[in-house]
């Protein structure tokens, strides 16, 4: 997460960030939303290209992943909210 890379410490939102990256990785069969680049993580620069946008699953997954990998830890959902997400 951006805060971890900046040395600001980690917390539950950092775990949610990691979970968002894992969701993306699994759904794209090995792609990383930040292209494995720490500068992209720090700057919040990610790509949806590998996930695609043509299915309902992609829309729902994109919404959850977008929240989970937000640059701001305050914008990320709680673990409980992730579990309740469709």
PDB file of N, CA and C in Angstrom:
ATOM      1  N   UNK A   1       0.836  -1.186   0.000  1.00  0.00           N
ATOM      2  CA  UNK A   1       0.000   0.000   0.000  1.00  0.00           C
ATOM      3  C   UNK A   1       0.878   1.245   0.000  1.00  0.00           C
ATOM      4  N   UNK A   2       0.303   2.345  -0.412  1.00  0.00           N
ATOM      5  CA  UNK A   2       1.058   3.595  -0.476  1.00  0.00           C
ATOM      6  C   UNK A   2       1.597   3.985   0.893  1.00  0.00           C
ATOM      7  N   UNK A   3       0.780   3.820   1.924  1.00  0.00           N
ATOM      8  CA  UNK A   3       1.234   4.215   3.263  1.00  0.00           C
ATOM      9  C   UNK A   3       2.380   3.334   3.760  1.00  0.00           C
ATOM     10  N   UNK A   4       2.352   2.071   3.428  1.00  0.00           N
ATOM     11  CA  UNK A   4       3.442   1.172   3.829  1.00  0.00           C
ATOM     12  C   UNK A   4       4.729   1.529   3.090  1.00  0.00           C
ATOM     13  N   UNK A   5       4.617   1.846   1.798  1.00  0.00           N
ATOM     14  CA  UNK A   5       5.799   2.218   1.018  1.00  0.00           C
ATOM     15  C   UNK A   5       6.401   3.539   1.483  1.00  0.00           C
ATOM     16  N   UNK A   6       5.560   4.409   2.044  1.00  0.00           N
ATOM     17  CA  UNK A   6       6.038   5.697   2.553  1.00  0.00           C
ATOM     18  C   UNK A   6       6.553   5.591   3.986  1.00  0.00           C
ATOM     19  N   UNK A   7       6.493   4.397   4.566  1.00  0.00           N
ATOM     20  CA  UNK A   7       6.966   4.206   5.931  1.00  0.00           C
ATOM     21  C   UNK A   7       6.022   4.736   6.985  1.00  0.00           C
ATOM     22  N   UNK A   8       4.747   4.883   6.639  1.00  0.00           N
ATOM     23  CA  UNK A   8       3.758   5.430   7.562  1.00  0.00           C
ATOM     24  C   UNK A   8       3.094   4.360   8.418  1.00  0.00           C
ATOM     25  N   UNK A   9       3.550   3.137   8.313  1.00  0.00           N
ATOM     26  CA  UNK A   9       2.970   2.059   9.099  1.00  0.00           C
ATOM     27  C   UNK A   9       1.841   1.367   8.371  1.00  0.00           C
ATOM     28  N   UNK A  10       1.381   0.295   8.976  1.00  0.00           N
ATOM     29  CA  UNK A  10       0.305  -0.493   8.382  1.00  0.00           C
ATOM     30  C   UNK A  10      -0.807  -0.699   9.394  1.00  0.00           C
ATOM     31  N   UNK A  11      -1.975  -1.028   8.877  1.00  0.00           N
ATOM     32  CA  UNK A  11      -3.151  -1.273   9.709  1.00  0.00           C
ATOM     33  C   UNK A  11      -4.128  -2.124   8.897  1.00  0.00           C
ATOM     34  N   UNK A  12      -5.335  -2.274   9.392  1.00  0.00           N
ATOM     35  CA  UNK A  12      -6.328  -3.079   8.681  1.00  0.00           C
ATOM     36  C   UNK A  12      -6.574  -2.594   7.249  1.00  0.00           C
ATOM     37  N   UNK A  13      -6.633  -1.289   6.992  1.00  0.00           N
ATOM     38  CA  UNK A  13      -6.796  -0.865   5.599  1.00  0.00           C
ATOM     39  C   UNK A  13      -5.662  -1.335   4.681  1.00  0.00           C
ATOM     40  N   UNK A  14      -4.475  -1.514   5.232  1.00  0.00           N
ATOM     41  CA  UNK A  14      -3.367  -2.047   4.442  1.00  0.00           C
ATOM     42  C   UNK A  14      -3.666  -3.480   4.023  1.00  0.00           C
ATOM     43  N   UNK A  15      -4.267  -4.241   4.931  1.00  0.00           N
ATOM     44  CA  UNK A  15      -4.660  -5.615   4.604  1.00  0.00           C
ATOM     45  C   UNK A  15      -5.720  -5.637   3.511  1.00  0.00           C
ATOM     46  N   UNK A  16      -6.661  -4.699   3.567  1.00  0.00           N
ATOM     47  CA  UNK A  16      -7.707  -4.618   2.541  1.00  0.00           C
ATOM     48  C   UNK A  16      -7.079  -4.257   1.195  1.00  0.00           C
ATOM     49  N   UNK A  17      -6.089  -3.376   1.193  1.00  0.00           N
ATOM     50  CA  UNK A  17      -5.365  -3.048  -0.035  1.00  0.00           C
ATOM     51  C   UNK A  17      -4.753  -4.319  -0.634  1.00  0.00           C
ATOM     52  N   UNK A  18      -4.091  -5.094   0.202  1.00  0.00           N
ATOM     53  CA  UNK A  18      -3.475  -6.345  -0.262  1.00  0.00           C
ATOM     54  C   UNK A  18      -4.525  -7.298  -0.817  1.00  0.00           C
ATOM     55  N   UNK A  19      -5.655  -7.366  -0.153  1.00  0.00           N
ATOM     56  CA  UNK A  19      -6.745  -8.225  -0.611  1.00  0.00           C
ATOM     57  C   UNK A  19      -7.246  -7.783  -1.986  1.00  0.00           C
ATOM     58  N   UNK A  20      -7.368  -6.479  -2.195  1.00  0.00           N
ATOM     59  CA  UNK A  20      -7.773  -5.969  -3.504  1.00  0.00           C
ATOM     60  C   UNK A  20      -6.798  -6.368  -4.596  1.00  0.00           C
ATOM     61  N   UNK A  21      -5.511  -6.303  -4.293  1.00  0.00           N
ATOM     62  CA  UNK A  21      -4.488  -6.730  -5.262  1.00  0.00           C
ATOM     63  C   UNK A  21      -4.604  -8.223  -5.551  1.00  0.00           C
ATOM     64  N   UNK A  22      -4.884  -9.005  -4.511  1.00  0.00           N
ATOM     65  CA  UNK A  22      -5.041 -10.454  -4.691  1.00  0.00           C
ATOM     66  C   UNK A  22      -6.274 -10.760  -5.532  1.00  0.00           C
ATOM     67  N   UNK A  23      -7.398 -10.070  -5.260  1.00  0.00           N
ATOM     68  CA  UNK A  23      -8.603 -10.265  -6.075  1.00  0.00           C
ATOM     69  C   UNK A  23      -8.277 -10.011  -7.545  1.00  0.00           C
ATOM     70  N   UNK A  24      -7.624  -8.890  -7.818  1.00  0.00           N
ATOM     71  CA  UNK A  24      -7.266  -8.536  -9.192  1.00  0.00           C
ATOM     72  C   UNK A  24      -6.372  -9.613  -9.803  1.00  0.00           C
ATOM     73  N   UNK A  25      -5.378 -10.032  -9.065  1.00  0.00           N
ATOM     74  CA  UNK A  25      -4.423 -11.041  -9.532  1.00  0.00           C
ATOM     75  C   UNK A  25      -5.135 -12.346  -9.896  1.00  0.00           C
ATOM     76  N   UNK A  26      -6.048 -12.782  -9.042  1.00  0.00           N
ATOM     77  CA  UNK A  26      -6.772 -14.039  -9.285  1.00  0.00           C
ATOM     78  C   UNK A  26      -7.709 -13.899 -10.484  1.00  0.00           C
ATOM     79  N   UNK A  27      -8.474 -12.811 -10.530  1.00  0.00           N
ATOM     80  CA  UNK A  27      -9.444 -12.630 -11.614  1.00  0.00           C
ATOM     81  C   UNK A  27      -8.783 -12.434 -12.976  1.00  0.00           C
ATOM     82  N   UNK A  28      -7.556 -11.950 -12.986  1.00  0.00           N
ATOM     83  CA  UNK A  28      -6.855 -11.729 -14.254  1.00  0.00           C
ATOM     84  C   UNK A  28      -5.831 -12.819 -14.544  1.00  0.00           C
ATOM     85  N   UNK A  29      -5.801 -13.826 -13.708  1.00  0.00           N
ATOM     86  CA  UNK A  29      -4.883 -14.955 -13.872  1.00  0.00           C
ATOM     87  C   UNK A  29      -3.420 -14.516 -13.917  1.00  0.00           C
ATOM     88  N   UNK A  30      -3.059 -13.620 -13.007  1.00  0.00           N
ATOM     89  CA  UNK A  30      -1.655 -13.284 -12.840  1.00  0.00           C
ATOM     90  C   UNK A  30      -1.228 -11.860 -13.115  1.00  0.00           C
ATOM     91  N   UNK A  31      -2.145 -10.982 -13.482  1.00  0.00           N
ATOM     92  CA  UNK A  31      -1.772  -9.578 -13.688  1.00  0.00           C
ATOM     93  C   UNK A  31      -1.833  -8.837 -12.356  1.00  0.00           C
ATOM     94  N   UNK A  32      -1.089  -7.761 -12.262  1.00  0.00           N
ATOM     95  CA  UNK A  32      -1.067  -6.935 -11.056  1.00  0.00           C
ATOM     96  C   UNK A  32      -1.645  -5.569 -11.417  1.00  0.00           C
ATOM     97  N   UNK A  33      -2.540  -5.008 -10.596  1.00  0.00           N
ATOM     98  CA  UNK A  33      -3.164  -3.735 -10.962  1.00  0.00           C
ATOM     99  C   UNK A  33      -2.167  -2.583 -11.088  1.00  0.00           C
ATOM    100  N   UNK A  34      -1.014  -2.707 -10.451  1.00  0.00           N
ATOM    101  CA  UNK A  34      -0.004  -1.653 -10.489  1.00  0.00           C
ATOM    102  C   UNK A  34       1.231  -2.071 -11.293  1.00  0.00           C
ATOM    103  N   UNK A  35       1.103  -3.129 -12.072  1.00  0.00           N
ATOM    104  CA  UNK A  35       2.204  -3.641 -12.898  1.00  0.00           C
ATOM    105  C   UNK A  35       3.465  -3.908 -12.076  1.00  0.00           C
ATOM    106  N   UNK A  36       3.290  -4.356 -10.833  1.00  0.00           N
ATOM    107  CA  UNK A  36       4.417  -4.685  -9.947  1.00  0.00           C
ATOM    108  C   UNK A  36       5.385  -3.508  -9.782  1.00  0.00           C
ATOM    109  N   UNK A  37       4.862  -2.286  -9.811  1.00  0.00           N
ATOM    110  CA  UNK A  37       5.695  -1.084  -9.765  1.00  0.00           C
ATOM    111  C   UNK A  37       5.352  -0.268  -8.522  1.00  0.00           C
ATOM    112  N   UNK A  38       6.305  -0.116  -7.605  1.00  0.00           N
ATOM    113  CA  UNK A  38       6.051   0.617  -6.362  1.00  0.00           C
ATOM    114  C   UNK A  38       5.703   2.079  -6.593  1.00  0.00           C
ATOM    115  N   UNK A  39       6.277   2.713  -7.620  1.00  0.00           N
ATOM    116  CA  UNK A  39       5.923   4.103  -7.917  1.00  0.00           C
ATOM    117  C   UNK A  39       4.453   4.213  -8.310  1.00  0.00           C
ATOM    118  N   UNK A  40       3.958   3.237  -9.056  1.00  0.00           N
ATOM    119  CA  UNK A  40       2.536   3.235  -9.414  1.00  0.00           C
ATOM    120  C   UNK A  40       1.667   3.107  -8.171  1.00  0.00           C
ATOM    121  N   UNK A  41       2.086   2.298  -7.216  1.00  0.00           N
ATOM    122  CA  UNK A  41       1.332   2.149  -5.970  1.00  0.00           C
ATOM    123  C   UNK A  41       1.329   3.469  -5.211  1.00  0.00           C
ATOM    124  N   UNK A  42       2.488   4.092  -5.058  1.00  0.00           N
ATOM    125  CA  UNK A  42       2.583   5.375  -4.338  1.00  0.00           C
ATOM    126  C   UNK A  42       1.697   6.441  -4.970  1.00  0.00           C
ATOM    127  N   UNK A  43       1.616   6.435  -6.305  1.00  0.00           N
ATOM    128  CA  UNK A  43       0.867   7.459  -7.029  1.00  0.00           C
ATOM    129  C   UNK A  43      -0.581   7.075  -7.318  1.00  0.00           C
ATOM    130  N   UNK A  44      -0.980   5.882  -6.921  1.00  0.00           N
ATOM    131  CA  UNK A  44      -2.347   5.440  -7.171  1.00  0.00           C
ATOM    132  C   UNK A  44      -2.638   5.202  -8.641  1.00  0.00           C
ATOM    133  N   UNK A  45      -1.622   4.855  -9.407  1.00  0.00           N
ATOM    134  CA  UNK A  45      -1.774   4.649 -10.856  1.00  0.00           C
ATOM    135  C   UNK A  45      -1.925   3.156 -11.140  1.00  0.00           C
ATOM    136  N   UNK A  46      -3.135   2.751 -11.489  1.00  0.00           N
ATOM    137  CA  UNK A  46      -3.384   1.342 -11.773  1.00  0.00           C
ATOM    138  C   UNK A  46      -4.122   1.184 -13.089  1.00  0.00           C
ATOM    139  N   UNK A  47      -4.167  -0.043 -13.577  1.00  0.00           N
ATOM    140  CA  UNK A  47      -4.768  -0.337 -14.874  1.00  0.00           C
ATOM    141  C   UNK A  47      -5.878  -1.373 -14.727  1.00  0.00           C
ATOM    142  N   UNK A  48      -6.995  -1.116 -15.395  1.00  0.00           N
ATOM    143  CA  UNK A  48      -8.116  -2.070 -15.402  1.00  0.00           C
ATOM    144  C   UNK A  48      -8.069  -2.961 -16.632  1.00  0.00           C
ATOM    145  N   UNK A  49      -7.137  -2.742 -17.498  1.00  0.00           N
ATOM    146  CA  UNK A  49      -7.099  -3.424 -18.793  1.00  0.00           C
ATOM    147  C   UNK A  49      -7.213  -4.942 -18.680  1.00  0.00           C
ATOM    148  N   UNK A  50      -6.452  -5.551 -17.816  1.00  0.00           N
ATOM    149  CA  UNK A  50      -6.451  -7.015 -17.705  1.00  0.00           C
ATOM    150  C   UNK A  50      -7.763  -7.556 -17.150  1.00  0.00           C
ATOM    151  N   UNK A  51      -8.478  -6.749 -16.364  1.00  0.00           N
ATOM    152  CA  UNK A  51      -9.734  -7.211 -15.770  1.00  0.00           C
ATOM    153  C   UNK A  51     -10.872  -7.195 -16.780  1.00  0.00           C
ATOM    154  N   UNK A  52     -10.859  -6.238 -17.682  1.00  0.00           N
ATOM    155  CA  UNK A  52     -11.929  -6.142 -18.669  1.00  0.00           C
ATOM    156  C   UNK A  52     -13.156  -5.477 -18.073  1.00  0.00           C
ATOM    157  N   UNK A  53     -14.101  -5.119 -18.931  1.00  0.00           N
ATOM    158  CA  UNK A  53     -15.300  -4.428 -18.465  1.00  0.00           C
ATOM    159  C   UNK A  53     -16.566  -4.947 -19.126  1.00  0.00           C
ATOM    160  N   UNK A  54     -16.530  -6.129 -19.710  1.00  0.00           N
ATOM    161  CA  UNK A  54     -17.654  -6.586 -20.516  1.00  0.00           C
ATOM    162  C   UNK A  54     -18.643  -7.486 -19.794  1.00  0.00           C
ATOM    163  N   UNK A  55     -18.459  -7.779 -18.538  1.00  0.00           N
ATOM    164  CA  UNK A  55     -19.382  -8.663 -17.836  1.00  0.00           C
ATOM    165  C   UNK A  55     -19.823  -8.051 -16.522  1.00  0.00           C
ATOM    166  N   UNK A  56     -20.923  -8.559 -15.993  1.00  0.00           N
ATOM    167  CA  UNK A  56     -21.411  -8.108 -14.693  1.00  0.00           C
ATOM    168  C   UNK A  56     -20.380  -8.401 -13.611  1.00  0.00           C
ATOM    169  N   UNK A  57     -19.723  -9.557 -13.692  1.00  0.00           N
ATOM    170  CA  UNK A  57     -18.679  -9.887 -12.727  1.00  0.00           C
ATOM    171  C   UNK A  57     -17.587  -8.830 -12.753  1.00  0.00           C
ATOM    172  N   UNK A  58     -17.195  -8.426 -13.944  1.00  0.00           N
ATOM    173  CA  UNK A  58     -16.153  -7.412 -14.056  1.00  0.00           C
ATOM    174  C   UNK A  58     -16.578  -6.111 -13.400  1.00  0.00           C
ATOM    175  N   UNK A  59     -17.840  -5.718 -13.581  1.00  0.00           N
ATOM    176  CA  UNK A  59     -18.333  -4.477 -12.976  1.00  0.00           C
ATOM    177  C   UNK A  59     -18.320  -4.570 -11.453  1.00  0.00           C
ATOM    178  N   UNK A  60     -18.847  -5.653 -10.920  1.00  0.00           N
ATOM    179  CA  UNK A  60     -18.870  -5.826  -9.466  1.00  0.00           C
ATOM    180  C   UNK A  60     -17.464  -5.947  -8.901  1.00  0.00           C
ATOM    181  N   UNK A  61     -16.631  -6.709  -9.579  1.00  0.00           N
ATOM    182  CA  UNK A  61     -15.250  -6.878  -9.126  1.00  0.00           C
ATOM    183  C   UNK A  61     -14.501  -5.553  -9.205  1.00  0.00           C
ATOM    184  N   UNK A  62     -14.688  -4.821 -10.278  1.00  0.00           N
ATOM    185  CA  UNK A  62     -14.009  -3.534 -10.435  1.00  0.00           C
ATOM    186  C   UNK A  62     -14.381  -2.574  -9.317  1.00  0.00           C
ATOM    187  N   UNK A  63     -15.649  -2.557  -8.952  1.00  0.00           N
ATOM    188  CA  UNK A  63     -16.103  -1.665  -7.881  1.00  0.00           C
ATOM    189  C   UNK A  63     -15.408  -1.997  -6.568  1.00  0.00           C
ATOM    190  N   UNK A  64     -15.402  -3.263  -6.202  1.00  0.00           N
ATOM    191  CA  UNK A  64     -14.771  -3.673  -4.949  1.00  0.00           C
ATOM    192  C   UNK A  64     -13.261  -3.437  -4.993  1.00  0.00           C
ATOM    193  N   UNK A  65     -12.629  -3.810  -6.082  1.00  0.00           N
ATOM    194  CA  UNK A  65     -11.182  -3.636  -6.196  1.00  0.00           C
ATOM    195  C   UNK A  65     -10.818  -2.156  -6.166  1.00  0.00           C
ATOM    196  N   UNK A  66     -11.607  -1.327  -6.844  1.00  0.00           N
ATOM    197  CA  UNK A  66     -11.355   0.116  -6.851  1.00  0.00           C
ATOM    198  C   UNK A  66     -11.338   0.677  -5.429  1.00  0.00           C
ATOM    199  N   UNK A  67     -12.296   0.263  -4.625  1.00  0.00           N
ATOM    200  CA  UNK A  67     -12.330   0.715  -3.230  1.00  0.00           C
ATOM    201  C   UNK A  67     -11.157   0.151  -2.439  1.00  0.00           C
ATOM    202  N   UNK A  68     -10.879  -1.122  -2.622  1.00  0.00           N
ATOM    203  CA  UNK A  68      -9.852  -1.797  -1.824  1.00  0.00           C
ATOM    204  C   UNK A  68      -8.446  -1.276  -2.104  1.00  0.00           C
ATOM    205  N   UNK A  69      -8.162  -0.907  -3.351  1.00  0.00           N
ATOM    206  CA  UNK A  69      -6.804  -0.454  -3.674  1.00  0.00           C
ATOM    207  C   UNK A  69      -6.703   1.062  -3.736  1.00  0.00           C
ATOM    208  N   UNK A  70      -7.661   1.724  -3.142  1.00  0.00           N
ATOM    209  CA  UNK A  70      -7.615   3.177  -3.084  1.00  0.00           C
ATOM    210  C   UNK A  70      -6.315   3.648  -2.444  1.00  0.00           C
ATOM    211  N   UNK A  71      -5.777   4.717  -2.959  1.00  0.00           N
ATOM    212  CA  UNK A  71      -4.542   5.283  -2.396  1.00  0.00           C
ATOM    213  C   UNK A  71      -4.747   5.702  -0.943  1.00  0.00           C
ATOM    214  N   UNK A  72      -5.931   6.182  -0.635  1.00  0.00           N
ATOM    215  CA  UNK A  72      -6.237   6.621   0.728  1.00  0.00           C
ATOM    216  C   UNK A  72      -6.749   5.460   1.568  1.00  0.00           C
ATOM    217  N   UNK A  73      -6.085   5.166   2.682  1.00  0.00           N
ATOM    218  CA  UNK A  73      -6.570   4.077   3.540  1.00  0.00           C
ATOM    219  C   UNK A  73      -7.950   4.371   4.125  1.00  0.00           C
ATOM    220  N   UNK A  74      -8.324   5.649   4.199  1.00  0.00           N
ATOM    221  CA  UNK A  74      -9.622   6.029   4.765  1.00  0.00           C
ATOM    222  C   UNK A  74     -10.766   5.754   3.799  1.00  0.00           C
ATOM    223  N   UNK A  75     -10.458   5.607   2.527  1.00  0.00           N
ATOM    224  CA  UNK A  75     -11.485   5.320   1.509  1.00  0.00           C
ATOM    225  C   UNK A  75     -11.744   3.820   1.371  1.00  0.00           C
ATOM    226  N   UNK A  76     -10.829   2.999   1.851  1.00  0.00           N
ATOM    227  CA  UNK A  76     -10.964   1.546   1.709  1.00  0.00           C
ATOM    228  C   UNK A  76     -12.052   1.004   2.631  1.00  0.00           C
ATOM    229  N   UNK A  77     -12.763  -0.015   2.159  1.00  0.00           N
ATOM    230  CA  UNK A  77     -13.818  -0.603   3.000  1.00  0.00           C
ATOM    231  C   UNK A  77     -13.223  -1.429   4.139  1.00  0.00           C
ATOM    232  N   UNK A  78     -14.040  -1.659   5.129  1.00  0.00           N
ATOM    233  CA  UNK A  78     -13.639  -2.561   6.216  1.00  0.00           C
ATOM    234  C   UNK A  78     -13.710  -3.999   5.705  1.00  0.00           C
ATOM    235  N   UNK A  79     -13.105  -4.902   6.435  1.00  0.00           N
ATOM    236  CA  UNK A  79     -13.171  -6.321   6.060  1.00  0.00           C
ATOM    237  C   UNK A  79     -14.617  -6.799   6.060  1.00  0.00           C
ATOM    238  N   UNK A  80     -15.416  -6.324   7.001  1.00  0.00           N
ATOM    239  CA  UNK A  80     -16.837  -6.698   7.055  1.00  0.00           C
ATOM    240  C   UNK A  80     -17.568  -6.235   5.806  1.00  0.00           C
ATOM    241  N   UNK A  81     -17.267  -5.031   5.353  1.00  0.00           N
ATOM    242  CA  UNK A  81     -17.900  -4.519   4.134  1.00  0.00           C
ATOM    243  C   UNK A  81     -17.488  -5.329   2.911  1.00  0.00           C
ATOM    244  N   UNK A  82     -16.243  -5.758   2.884  1.00  0.00           N
ATOM    245  CA  UNK A  82     -15.777  -6.595   1.774  1.00  0.00           C
ATOM    246  C   UNK A  82     -16.575  -7.893   1.739  1.00  0.00           C
ATOM    247  N   UNK A  83     -16.795  -8.485   2.896  1.00  0.00           N
ATOM    248  CA  UNK A  83     -17.556  -9.741   2.960  1.00  0.00           C
ATOM    249  C   UNK A  83     -18.997  -9.564   2.497  1.00  0.00           C
ATOM    250  N   UNK A  84     -19.561  -8.386   2.711  1.00  0.00           N
ATOM    251  CA  UNK A  84     -20.953  -8.128   2.329  1.00  0.00           C
ATOM    252  C   UNK A  84     -21.102  -7.664   0.883  1.00  0.00           C
ATOM    253  N   UNK A  85     -20.004  -7.356   0.231  1.00  0.00           N
ATOM    254  CA  UNK A  85     -20.064  -6.865  -1.149  1.00  0.00           C
ATOM    255  C   UNK A  85     -20.545  -7.984  -2.071  1.00  0.00           C
ATOM    256  N   UNK A  86     -21.464  -7.632  -3.003  1.00  0.00           N
ATOM    257  CA  UNK A  86     -21.964  -8.683  -3.909  1.00  0.00           C
ATOM    258  C   UNK A  86     -20.856  -9.219  -4.747  1.00  0.00           C
TER     259      UNK A  86
END
